[in-house]
């Protein structure tokens, strides 16, 4: 699924105008906060894949993975509150 998403994002990115592509590239290269979003998405995807693709014998590990998935997103929302405004 991650490969399909990456391919779709790449195709979408290639259709953008050259000026927008340069701006997106420089934004991701120079600033650290925009890099957080792809990292959060990758973390949630890894947790979801581990939950669904691994045959678990007990419920505690999938439950921990379920709550670990949105943990980074919630932490970012909590600590970034007030920085934008």
N, C-alpha and C. Protein backbone atom coordinates (compact mmCIF):
# COMPACT_ATOMS: atom_id res chain seq x y z
N UNK A 1 0.83 -1.19 0.00
CA UNK A 1 0.00 0.00 0.00
C UNK A 1 0.87 1.26 0.00
N UNK A 2 1.97 1.22 0.75
CA UNK A 2 2.86 2.39 0.79
C UNK A 2 3.47 2.65 -0.58
N UNK A 3 3.77 1.60 -1.34
CA UNK A 3 4.33 1.77 -2.68
C UNK A 3 3.30 2.42 -3.60
N UNK A 4 2.05 2.00 -3.48
CA UNK A 4 0.99 2.58 -4.30
C UNK A 4 0.81 4.06 -3.96
N UNK A 5 0.83 4.39 -2.67
CA UNK A 5 0.70 5.79 -2.27
C UNK A 5 1.89 6.61 -2.76
N UNK A 6 3.10 6.06 -2.65
CA UNK A 6 4.28 6.79 -3.10
C UNK A 6 4.23 7.02 -4.61
N UNK A 7 3.81 6.02 -5.36
CA UNK A 7 3.70 6.18 -6.80
C UNK A 7 2.65 7.23 -7.16
N UNK A 8 1.51 7.20 -6.49
CA UNK A 8 0.48 8.21 -6.74
C UNK A 8 0.95 9.61 -6.40
N UNK A 9 1.67 9.75 -5.29
CA UNK A 9 2.19 11.06 -4.91
C UNK A 9 3.23 11.55 -5.91
N UNK A 10 4.05 10.64 -6.38
CA UNK A 10 5.08 11.02 -7.36
C UNK A 10 4.44 11.47 -8.68
N UNK A 11 3.44 10.73 -9.14
CA UNK A 11 2.76 11.12 -10.38
C UNK A 11 2.06 12.46 -10.21
N UNK A 12 1.44 12.67 -9.07
CA UNK A 12 0.76 13.93 -8.81
C UNK A 12 1.77 15.08 -8.74
N UNK A 13 2.90 14.83 -8.11
CA UNK A 13 3.95 15.84 -7.98
C UNK A 13 4.52 16.22 -9.35
N UNK A 14 4.67 15.26 -10.23
CA UNK A 14 5.24 15.54 -11.55
C UNK A 14 4.30 16.39 -12.40
N UNK A 15 2.99 16.35 -12.12
CA UNK A 15 2.04 17.15 -12.89
C UNK A 15 1.98 18.61 -12.44
N UNK A 16 2.60 18.93 -11.31
CA UNK A 16 2.58 20.31 -10.83
C UNK A 16 3.49 21.19 -11.69
N UNK A 17 3.22 22.48 -11.67
CA UNK A 17 4.07 23.42 -12.38
C UNK A 17 5.45 23.45 -11.75
N UNK A 18 6.45 23.85 -12.52
CA UNK A 18 7.84 23.81 -12.07
C UNK A 18 8.07 24.69 -10.84
N UNK A 19 7.46 25.84 -10.77
CA UNK A 19 7.63 26.72 -9.62
C UNK A 19 7.09 26.13 -8.33
N UNK A 20 5.97 25.45 -8.43
CA UNK A 20 5.39 24.81 -7.25
C UNK A 20 6.27 23.65 -6.80
N UNK A 21 6.80 22.90 -7.75
CA UNK A 21 7.67 21.78 -7.39
C UNK A 21 8.90 22.26 -6.65
N UNK A 22 9.50 23.35 -7.10
CA UNK A 22 10.68 23.89 -6.44
C UNK A 22 10.32 24.35 -5.03
N UNK A 23 9.18 25.00 -4.88
CA UNK A 23 8.77 25.48 -3.57
C UNK A 23 8.54 24.32 -2.60
N UNK A 24 7.87 23.28 -3.05
CA UNK A 24 7.64 22.13 -2.18
C UNK A 24 8.95 21.47 -1.78
N UNK A 25 9.85 21.32 -2.73
CA UNK A 25 11.14 20.70 -2.45
C UNK A 25 11.92 21.53 -1.44
N UNK A 26 11.97 22.84 -1.63
CA UNK A 26 12.73 23.68 -0.71
C UNK A 26 12.06 23.74 0.66
N UNK A 27 10.74 23.69 0.69
CA UNK A 27 10.04 23.69 1.97
C UNK A 27 10.38 22.45 2.78
N UNK A 28 10.36 21.30 2.13
CA UNK A 28 10.69 20.06 2.84
C UNK A 28 12.17 19.98 3.20
N UNK A 29 13.01 20.62 2.42
CA UNK A 29 14.44 20.55 2.68
C UNK A 29 14.86 21.50 3.79
N UNK A 30 14.26 22.67 3.86
CA UNK A 30 14.73 23.71 4.77
C UNK A 30 14.04 23.73 6.12
N UNK A 31 12.81 23.37 6.18
CA UNK A 31 12.06 23.47 7.43
C UNK A 31 11.81 22.09 8.00
N UNK A 32 11.80 21.98 9.30
CA UNK A 32 11.63 20.68 9.93
C UNK A 32 10.16 20.33 10.17
N UNK A 33 9.32 21.31 10.39
CA UNK A 33 7.92 21.01 10.70
C UNK A 33 7.17 20.34 9.56
N UNK A 34 7.37 20.72 8.27
CA UNK A 34 6.67 20.00 7.20
C UNK A 34 7.12 18.55 7.05
N UNK A 35 8.29 18.21 7.54
CA UNK A 35 8.74 16.82 7.47
C UNK A 35 8.02 15.94 8.46
N UNK A 36 7.39 16.52 9.46
CA UNK A 36 6.71 15.75 10.49
C UNK A 36 5.51 15.01 9.91
N UNK A 37 4.81 15.63 9.00
CA UNK A 37 3.58 15.04 8.46
C UNK A 37 3.85 13.73 7.71
N UNK A 38 4.82 13.66 6.79
CA UNK A 38 5.10 12.36 6.17
C UNK A 38 5.59 11.32 7.18
N UNK A 39 6.32 11.75 8.18
CA UNK A 39 6.76 10.80 9.22
C UNK A 39 5.59 10.26 10.01
N UNK A 40 4.62 11.11 10.32
CA UNK A 40 3.43 10.65 11.03
C UNK A 40 2.63 9.67 10.17
N UNK A 41 2.50 9.96 8.90
CA UNK A 41 1.76 9.07 8.01
C UNK A 41 2.47 7.72 7.88
N UNK A 42 3.79 7.75 7.79
CA UNK A 42 4.55 6.49 7.69
C UNK A 42 4.41 5.68 8.98
N UNK A 43 4.47 6.34 10.13
CA UNK A 43 4.32 5.65 11.42
C UNK A 43 2.95 5.00 11.54
N UNK A 44 1.90 5.74 11.18
CA UNK A 44 0.55 5.18 11.25
C UNK A 44 0.40 4.00 10.28
N UNK A 45 1.00 4.10 9.10
CA UNK A 45 0.92 3.02 8.13
C UNK A 45 1.65 1.78 8.62
N UNK A 46 2.81 1.96 9.23
CA UNK A 46 3.56 0.81 9.76
C UNK A 46 2.76 0.13 10.86
N UNK A 47 2.17 0.91 11.75
CA UNK A 47 1.35 0.32 12.83
C UNK A 47 0.15 -0.43 12.25
N UNK A 48 -0.51 0.16 11.27
CA UNK A 48 -1.66 -0.51 10.65
C UNK A 48 -1.25 -1.79 9.95
N UNK A 49 -0.13 -1.76 9.25
CA UNK A 49 0.34 -2.98 8.59
C UNK A 49 0.72 -4.07 9.59
N UNK A 50 1.35 -3.68 10.68
CA UNK A 50 1.69 -4.68 11.70
C UNK A 50 0.45 -5.29 12.33
N UNK A 51 -0.57 -4.48 12.53
CA UNK A 51 -1.81 -5.00 13.13
C UNK A 51 -2.50 -5.97 12.18
N UNK A 52 -2.57 -5.61 10.90
CA UNK A 52 -3.38 -6.40 9.98
C UNK A 52 -2.65 -7.57 9.34
N UNK A 53 -1.34 -7.47 9.18
CA UNK A 53 -0.63 -8.50 8.43
C UNK A 53 0.06 -9.55 9.29
N UNK A 54 0.14 -9.32 10.58
CA UNK A 54 0.80 -10.27 11.48
C UNK A 54 -0.26 -11.08 12.21
N UNK A 55 -0.15 -12.42 12.21
CA UNK A 55 -1.13 -13.22 12.96
C UNK A 55 -0.81 -13.17 14.46
N UNK A 56 -1.63 -12.47 15.20
CA UNK A 56 -1.41 -12.32 16.64
C UNK A 56 -2.19 -13.38 17.41
N UNK A 57 -1.59 -13.89 18.47
CA UNK A 57 -2.26 -14.90 19.29
C UNK A 57 -2.96 -14.28 20.49
N UNK A 58 -2.52 -13.11 20.93
CA UNK A 58 -3.18 -12.43 22.04
C UNK A 58 -3.54 -11.02 21.63
N UNK A 59 -4.42 -10.39 22.39
CA UNK A 59 -4.95 -9.09 21.98
C UNK A 59 -4.13 -7.90 22.45
N UNK A 60 -3.22 -8.07 23.38
CA UNK A 60 -2.56 -6.90 23.95
C UNK A 60 -1.61 -6.21 22.98
N UNK A 61 -0.91 -6.96 22.17
CA UNK A 61 0.04 -6.34 21.22
C UNK A 61 -0.69 -5.54 20.15
N UNK A 62 -1.73 -6.08 19.50
CA UNK A 62 -2.45 -5.25 18.52
C UNK A 62 -3.11 -4.02 19.15
N UNK A 63 -3.58 -4.14 20.37
CA UNK A 63 -4.17 -2.97 21.03
C UNK A 63 -3.12 -1.90 21.29
N UNK A 64 -1.93 -2.31 21.70
CA UNK A 64 -0.84 -1.35 21.92
C UNK A 64 -0.44 -0.68 20.61
N UNK A 65 -0.37 -1.46 19.54
CA UNK A 65 -0.05 -0.89 18.23
C UNK A 65 -1.14 0.06 17.76
N UNK A 66 -2.39 -0.27 18.04
CA UNK A 66 -3.51 0.60 17.67
C UNK A 66 -3.37 1.97 18.33
N UNK A 67 -3.05 1.99 19.61
CA UNK A 67 -2.92 3.26 20.32
C UNK A 67 -1.60 3.96 20.02
N UNK A 68 -0.58 3.22 19.59
CA UNK A 68 0.70 3.84 19.22
C UNK A 68 0.60 4.55 17.87
N UNK A 69 -0.31 4.11 17.01
CA UNK A 69 -0.46 4.70 15.68
C UNK A 69 -0.76 6.19 15.71
N UNK A 70 -1.82 6.62 16.37
CA UNK A 70 -2.13 8.06 16.38
C UNK A 70 -1.37 8.84 17.46
N UNK A 71 -0.50 8.19 18.20
CA UNK A 71 0.22 8.86 19.29
C UNK A 71 1.04 10.04 18.80
N UNK A 72 1.78 9.90 17.71
CA UNK A 72 2.59 11.01 17.20
C UNK A 72 1.74 12.18 16.74
N UNK A 73 0.62 11.88 16.11
CA UNK A 73 -0.26 12.95 15.64
C UNK A 73 -0.84 13.73 16.80
N UNK A 74 -1.29 13.03 17.81
CA UNK A 74 -1.87 13.69 18.99
C UNK A 74 -0.80 14.48 19.73
N UNK A 75 0.40 13.92 19.84
CA UNK A 75 1.49 14.65 20.50
C UNK A 75 1.85 15.92 19.74
N UNK A 76 1.87 15.85 18.43
CA UNK A 76 2.17 17.04 17.63
C UNK A 76 1.09 18.10 17.80
N UNK A 77 -0.17 17.69 17.80
CA UNK A 77 -1.24 18.66 18.00
C UNK A 77 -1.14 19.31 19.37
N UNK A 78 -0.78 18.53 20.35
CA UNK A 78 -0.68 19.06 21.72
C UNK A 78 0.48 20.05 21.86
N UNK A 79 1.65 19.71 21.33
CA UNK A 79 2.82 20.55 21.52
C UNK A 79 2.88 21.71 20.55
N UNK A 80 2.21 21.64 19.41
CA UNK A 80 2.23 22.73 18.44
C UNK A 80 1.10 23.74 18.66
N UNK A 81 0.26 23.50 19.61
CA UNK A 81 -0.85 24.41 19.86
C UNK A 81 -0.29 25.76 20.28
N UNK A 82 -0.68 26.79 19.60
CA UNK A 82 -0.22 28.12 19.93
C UNK A 82 1.00 28.58 19.14
N UNK A 83 1.69 27.70 18.44
CA UNK A 83 2.86 28.11 17.67
C UNK A 83 2.47 28.77 16.36
N UNK A 84 1.30 28.41 15.81
CA UNK A 84 0.89 28.98 14.53
C UNK A 84 0.22 30.33 14.69
N UNK A 85 -0.43 30.55 15.78
CA UNK A 85 -1.23 31.75 15.93
C UNK A 85 -0.57 32.88 16.54
